[in-house]
Amino acid sequence: RNFTTDWNSGRALSALVETCVPGSVPEWNVLEDSQAVENITSAMQVAEEDLSIPALLAPDDMANPEVDDLSIMTYVSCFNTTLTQNLLFWLRAKLPNRSIDNLTVDWSN
């Protein structure tokens, strides 16, 4: 709902990372708020190692309720390419007789 407190526990980031790298954080929905810095650190490590997304802010900063929302938005935007690629792979699997290489031209007809 927001780009500040909704990201403090590491649960949202872990869900995002799990979406991009299935199996990397399978129990994202039961992460404990009291382990926020550890949750964020783990998710950021997977993002950096598996997706080459650098940690643009410190886990302590993301866990802080006063975190700058633009910092979170900037970091989350780094996942856009991976999410788009995952969607294209899914579409190609669902529509094997269609040639879909992008989500603008190929998807419009």
N, C-alpha and C. Protein backbone atom coordinates (compact mmCIF):
# COMPACT_ATOMS: atom_id res chain seq x y z
N ARG A 1 0.80 -1.20 0.00
CA ARG A 1 0.00 0.00 0.00
C ARG A 1 0.84 1.26 0.00
N ASN A 2 2.02 1.18 0.62
CA ASN A 2 2.88 2.36 0.63
C ASN A 2 4.33 1.93 0.47
N PHE A 3 5.17 2.88 0.25
CA PHE A 3 6.59 2.59 0.06
C PHE A 3 7.41 2.99 1.27
N THR A 4 6.81 2.91 2.44
CA THR A 4 7.56 3.14 3.67
C THR A 4 7.32 1.95 4.60
N THR A 5 6.35 2.04 5.46
CA THR A 5 6.16 1.02 6.51
C THR A 5 5.81 -0.37 5.98
N ASP A 6 5.19 -0.46 4.81
CA ASP A 6 4.88 -1.79 4.26
C ASP A 6 6.13 -2.59 3.91
N TRP A 7 7.25 -1.93 3.82
CA TRP A 7 8.51 -2.59 3.45
C TRP A 7 9.42 -2.82 4.65
N ASN A 8 9.04 -2.36 5.82
CA ASN A 8 9.91 -2.40 7.00
C ASN A 8 10.23 -3.80 7.51
N SER A 9 9.32 -4.74 7.40
CA SER A 9 9.55 -6.07 7.96
C SER A 9 10.41 -6.96 7.06
N GLY A 10 10.51 -6.58 5.80
CA GLY A 10 11.24 -7.42 4.84
C GLY A 10 10.33 -8.42 4.14
N ARG A 11 9.08 -8.50 4.58
CA ARG A 11 8.14 -9.45 3.99
C ARG A 11 7.82 -9.08 2.53
N ALA A 12 7.54 -7.82 2.25
CA ALA A 12 7.22 -7.40 0.88
C ALA A 12 8.41 -7.60 -0.05
N LEU A 13 9.59 -7.24 0.42
CA LEU A 13 10.78 -7.43 -0.40
C LEU A 13 11.03 -8.91 -0.64
N SER A 14 10.84 -9.72 0.38
CA SER A 14 11.04 -11.16 0.24
C SER A 14 10.04 -11.76 -0.74
N ALA A 15 8.80 -11.29 -0.72
CA ALA A 15 7.79 -11.76 -1.67
C ALA A 15 8.18 -11.37 -3.10
N LEU A 16 8.69 -10.16 -3.26
CA LEU A 16 9.13 -9.70 -4.57
C LEU A 16 10.29 -10.56 -5.07
N VAL A 17 11.24 -10.82 -4.21
CA VAL A 17 12.40 -11.65 -4.58
C VAL A 17 11.94 -13.07 -4.89
N GLU A 18 11.03 -13.61 -4.11
CA GLU A 18 10.50 -14.95 -4.36
C GLU A 18 9.80 -15.02 -5.71
N THR A 19 9.11 -13.96 -6.09
CA THR A 19 8.45 -13.91 -7.39
C THR A 19 9.46 -13.96 -8.53
N CYS A 20 10.56 -13.27 -8.35
CA CYS A 20 11.61 -13.22 -9.38
C CYS A 20 12.49 -14.46 -9.39
N VAL A 21 12.73 -15.03 -8.22
CA VAL A 21 13.59 -16.21 -8.08
C VAL A 21 12.82 -17.25 -7.28
N PRO A 22 11.93 -17.99 -7.95
CA PRO A 22 11.11 -18.97 -7.22
C PRO A 22 11.95 -19.95 -6.41
N GLY A 23 11.53 -20.13 -5.15
CA GLY A 23 12.22 -21.04 -4.25
C GLY A 23 13.28 -20.36 -3.39
N SER A 24 13.53 -19.08 -3.64
CA SER A 24 14.57 -18.39 -2.89
C SER A 24 14.11 -17.97 -1.49
N VAL A 25 12.85 -17.63 -1.35
CA VAL A 25 12.29 -17.23 -0.05
C VAL A 25 10.88 -17.82 0.05
N PRO A 26 10.77 -19.14 0.07
CA PRO A 26 9.45 -19.77 -0.01
C PRO A 26 8.52 -19.46 1.17
N GLU A 27 9.06 -19.12 2.30
CA GLU A 27 8.22 -18.84 3.47
C GLU A 27 8.17 -17.35 3.78
N TRP A 28 8.17 -16.52 2.74
CA TRP A 28 8.17 -15.07 2.91
C TRP A 28 6.98 -14.58 3.72
N ASN A 29 5.86 -15.27 3.61
CA ASN A 29 4.63 -14.80 4.28
C ASN A 29 4.60 -15.05 5.78
N VAL A 30 5.54 -15.78 6.31
CA VAL A 30 5.57 -16.04 7.75
C VAL A 30 6.82 -15.44 8.42
N LEU A 31 7.50 -14.56 7.73
CA LEU A 31 8.67 -13.92 8.32
C LEU A 31 8.25 -13.06 9.51
N GLU A 32 9.08 -13.06 10.53
CA GLU A 32 8.79 -12.32 11.77
C GLU A 32 9.23 -10.86 11.66
N ASP A 33 8.35 -9.96 12.08
CA ASP A 33 8.68 -8.54 12.09
C ASP A 33 9.91 -8.24 12.94
N SER A 34 10.08 -9.02 14.01
CA SER A 34 11.21 -8.80 14.91
C SER A 34 12.56 -9.12 14.26
N GLN A 35 12.53 -9.79 13.12
CA GLN A 35 13.75 -10.15 12.39
C GLN A 35 13.88 -9.32 11.11
N ALA A 36 13.34 -8.10 11.12
CA ALA A 36 13.25 -7.27 9.91
C ALA A 36 14.59 -7.09 9.21
N VAL A 37 15.62 -6.70 9.95
CA VAL A 37 16.92 -6.44 9.31
C VAL A 37 17.47 -7.72 8.69
N GLU A 38 17.32 -8.83 9.38
CA GLU A 38 17.79 -10.11 8.84
C GLU A 38 16.98 -10.50 7.60
N ASN A 39 15.65 -10.30 7.64
CA ASN A 39 14.80 -10.62 6.49
C ASN A 39 15.21 -9.80 5.27
N ILE A 40 15.41 -8.52 5.49
CA ILE A 40 15.79 -7.61 4.40
C ILE A 40 17.18 -7.96 3.87
N THR A 41 18.10 -8.23 4.78
CA THR A 41 19.46 -8.60 4.38
C THR A 41 19.45 -9.84 3.50
N SER A 42 18.71 -10.85 3.91
CA SER A 42 18.64 -12.10 3.13
C SER A 42 18.05 -11.87 1.75
N ALA A 43 16.95 -11.11 1.69
CA ALA A 43 16.31 -10.84 0.40
C ALA A 43 17.23 -10.03 -0.50
N MET A 44 17.92 -9.05 0.06
CA MET A 44 18.84 -8.24 -0.73
C MET A 44 20.01 -9.06 -1.24
N GLN A 45 20.47 -10.02 -0.45
CA GLN A 45 21.57 -10.88 -0.89
C GLN A 45 21.14 -11.73 -2.09
N VAL A 46 19.94 -12.29 -2.04
CA VAL A 46 19.43 -13.07 -3.17
C VAL A 46 19.30 -12.17 -4.40
N ALA A 47 18.74 -10.97 -4.21
CA ALA A 47 18.57 -10.04 -5.33
C ALA A 47 19.91 -9.70 -5.97
N GLU A 48 20.91 -9.50 -5.13
CA GLU A 48 22.23 -9.14 -5.67
C GLU A 48 22.90 -10.34 -6.34
N GLU A 49 22.86 -11.49 -5.70
CA GLU A 49 23.55 -12.67 -6.23
C GLU A 49 22.85 -13.27 -7.45
N ASP A 50 21.52 -13.35 -7.41
CA ASP A 50 20.79 -14.04 -8.48
C ASP A 50 20.26 -13.11 -9.56
N LEU A 51 20.05 -11.85 -9.24
CA LEU A 51 19.46 -10.93 -10.20
C LEU A 51 20.37 -9.76 -10.55
N SER A 52 21.53 -9.70 -9.92
CA SER A 52 22.48 -8.60 -10.12
C SER A 52 21.86 -7.23 -9.80
N ILE A 53 20.99 -7.22 -8.80
CA ILE A 53 20.39 -5.97 -8.34
C ILE A 53 21.13 -5.53 -7.10
N PRO A 54 21.86 -4.44 -7.19
CA PRO A 54 22.65 -3.99 -6.03
C PRO A 54 21.75 -3.45 -4.92
N ALA A 55 22.20 -3.62 -3.70
CA ALA A 55 21.48 -3.06 -2.55
C ALA A 55 21.72 -1.55 -2.56
N LEU A 56 20.71 -0.80 -2.92
CA LEU A 56 20.85 0.65 -3.03
C LEU A 56 20.69 1.37 -1.71
N LEU A 57 20.21 0.65 -0.71
CA LEU A 57 20.12 1.22 0.63
C LEU A 57 20.43 0.11 1.63
N ALA A 58 20.78 0.50 2.82
CA ALA A 58 21.14 -0.46 3.86
C ALA A 58 19.89 -1.12 4.42
N PRO A 59 19.98 -2.39 4.80
CA PRO A 59 18.84 -3.07 5.41
C PRO A 59 18.29 -2.31 6.62
N ASP A 60 19.17 -1.72 7.43
CA ASP A 60 18.72 -0.93 8.59
C ASP A 60 17.83 0.24 8.14
N ASP A 61 18.18 0.85 7.03
CA ASP A 61 17.39 1.97 6.52
C ASP A 61 16.01 1.50 6.06
N MET A 62 15.97 0.38 5.35
CA MET A 62 14.68 -0.13 4.88
C MET A 62 13.79 -0.54 6.04
N ALA A 63 14.38 -1.02 7.11
CA ALA A 63 13.61 -1.46 8.29
C ALA A 63 13.11 -0.28 9.13
N ASN A 64 13.60 0.90 8.86
CA ASN A 64 13.23 2.10 9.62
C ASN A 64 11.88 2.63 9.13
N PRO A 65 10.89 2.82 10.02
CA PRO A 65 9.59 3.35 9.61
C PRO A 65 9.66 4.74 8.97
N GLU A 66 10.76 5.44 9.17
CA GLU A 66 10.93 6.77 8.58
C GLU A 66 11.73 6.73 7.27
N VAL A 67 11.85 5.54 6.69
CA VAL A 67 12.62 5.41 5.45
C VAL A 67 12.03 6.30 4.36
N ASP A 68 12.89 6.83 3.54
CA ASP A 68 12.47 7.68 2.43
C ASP A 68 11.76 6.82 1.39
N ASP A 69 10.51 7.16 1.08
CA ASP A 69 9.72 6.35 0.15
C ASP A 69 10.34 6.33 -1.25
N LEU A 70 10.99 7.40 -1.66
CA LEU A 70 11.63 7.43 -2.98
C LEU A 70 12.81 6.46 -3.06
N SER A 71 13.48 6.26 -1.94
CA SER A 71 14.57 5.28 -1.91
C SER A 71 14.03 3.87 -2.13
N ILE A 72 12.92 3.56 -1.47
CA ILE A 72 12.30 2.25 -1.66
C ILE A 72 11.83 2.11 -3.10
N MET A 73 11.17 3.11 -3.64
CA MET A 73 10.68 3.07 -5.02
C MET A 73 11.82 2.85 -6.01
N THR A 74 12.92 3.53 -5.77
CA THR A 74 14.08 3.39 -6.66
C THR A 74 14.60 1.96 -6.62
N TYR A 75 14.73 1.41 -5.41
CA TYR A 75 15.23 0.04 -5.29
C TYR A 75 14.27 -0.96 -5.94
N VAL A 76 13.00 -0.83 -5.65
CA VAL A 76 12.00 -1.76 -6.19
C VAL A 76 11.94 -1.67 -7.72
N SER A 77 12.15 -0.48 -8.26
CA SER A 77 12.10 -0.32 -9.72
C SER A 77 13.19 -1.14 -10.42
N CYS A 78 14.24 -1.48 -9.71
CA CYS A 78 15.31 -2.29 -10.28
C CYS A 78 14.83 -3.70 -10.63
N PHE A 79 13.72 -4.13 -10.05
CA PHE A 79 13.18 -5.46 -10.30
C PHE A 79 12.32 -5.50 -11.57
N ASN A 80 12.03 -4.36 -12.16
CA ASN A 80 11.11 -4.29 -13.29
C ASN A 80 11.51 -5.18 -14.46
N THR A 81 12.78 -5.16 -14.85
CA THR A 81 13.23 -5.97 -15.98
C THR A 81 13.00 -7.45 -15.73
N THR A 82 13.35 -7.91 -14.54
CA THR A 82 13.16 -9.32 -14.21
C THR A 82 11.69 -9.69 -14.21
N LEU A 83 10.85 -8.86 -13.64
CA LEU A 83 9.41 -9.14 -13.62
C LEU A 83 8.83 -9.19 -15.02
N THR A 84 9.27 -8.29 -15.88
CA THR A 84 8.80 -8.28 -17.27
C THR A 84 9.24 -9.54 -18.00
N GLN A 85 10.48 -9.95 -17.80
CA GLN A 85 10.98 -11.18 -18.42
C GLN A 85 10.20 -12.38 -17.93
N ASN A 86 9.92 -12.44 -16.63
CA ASN A 86 9.15 -13.55 -16.08
C ASN A 86 7.75 -13.60 -16.68
N LEU A 87 7.13 -12.44 -16.85
CA LEU A 87 5.81 -12.39 -17.45
C LEU A 87 5.85 -12.87 -18.90
N LEU A 88 6.87 -12.46 -19.64
CA LEU A 88 7.00 -12.93 -21.02
C LEU A 88 7.18 -14.44 -21.09
N PHE A 89 8.00 -15.01 -20.21
CA PHE A 89 8.17 -16.47 -20.19
C PHE A 89 6.85 -17.16 -19.89
N TRP A 90 6.09 -16.62 -18.95
CA TRP A 90 4.80 -17.20 -18.59
C TRP A 90 3.83 -17.12 -19.76
N LEU A 91 3.78 -15.96 -20.42
CA LEU A 91 2.88 -15.80 -21.57
C LEU A 91 3.25 -16.76 -22.70
N ARG A 92 4.53 -16.89 -22.95
CA ARG A 92 4.97 -17.81 -24.01
C ARG A 92 4.57 -19.25 -23.70
N ALA A 93 4.62 -19.62 -22.43
CA ALA A 93 4.21 -20.97 -22.04
C ALA A 93 2.70 -21.15 -22.20
N LYS A 94 1.94 -20.12 -21.88
CA LYS A 94 0.48 -20.19 -21.97
C LYS A 94 -0.02 -20.08 -23.41
N LEU A 95 0.74 -19.37 -24.25
CA LEU A 95 0.35 -19.15 -25.64
C LEU A 95 1.46 -19.61 -26.57
N PRO A 96 1.70 -20.92 -26.63
CA PRO A 96 2.85 -21.42 -27.39
C PRO A 96 2.78 -21.15 -28.90
N ASN A 97 1.60 -20.91 -29.42
CA ASN A 97 1.47 -20.67 -30.86
C ASN A 97 1.60 -19.19 -31.23
N ARG A 98 1.85 -18.35 -30.24
CA ARG A 98 2.02 -16.90 -30.47
C ARG A 98 3.48 -16.54 -30.28
N SER A 99 3.96 -15.67 -31.10
CA SER A 99 5.32 -15.14 -30.93
C SER A 99 5.22 -13.84 -30.14
N ILE A 100 5.60 -13.89 -28.87
CA ILE A 100 5.53 -12.72 -28.01
C ILE A 100 6.94 -12.39 -27.53
N ASP A 101 7.46 -11.28 -28.00
CA ASP A 101 8.80 -10.85 -27.61
C ASP A 101 8.79 -9.60 -26.75
N ASN A 102 7.65 -8.91 -26.70
CA ASN A 102 7.54 -7.72 -25.86
C ASN A 102 6.08 -7.54 -25.47
N LEU A 103 5.82 -6.63 -24.57
CA LEU A 103 4.46 -6.45 -24.06
C LEU A 103 3.75 -5.24 -24.68
N THR A 104 4.30 -4.70 -25.74
CA THR A 104 3.63 -3.57 -26.39
C THR A 104 3.13 -3.99 -27.77
N VAL A 105 4.00 -4.09 -28.73
CA VAL A 105 3.60 -4.40 -30.10
C VAL A 105 2.99 -5.79 -30.22
N ASP A 106 3.67 -6.81 -29.70
CA ASP A 106 3.21 -8.19 -29.86
C ASP A 106 1.92 -8.48 -29.10
N TRP A 107 1.66 -7.73 -28.09
CA TRP A 107 0.51 -8.00 -27.23
C TRP A 107 -0.72 -7.22 -27.67
N SER A 108 -0.54 -6.24 -28.53
CA SER A 108 -1.65 -5.35 -28.88
C SER A 108 -2.65 -5.94 -29.87
N ASN A 109 -2.32 -7.03 -30.53
CA ASN A 109 -3.29 -7.57 -31.49
C ASN A 109 -3.70 -8.99 -31.18
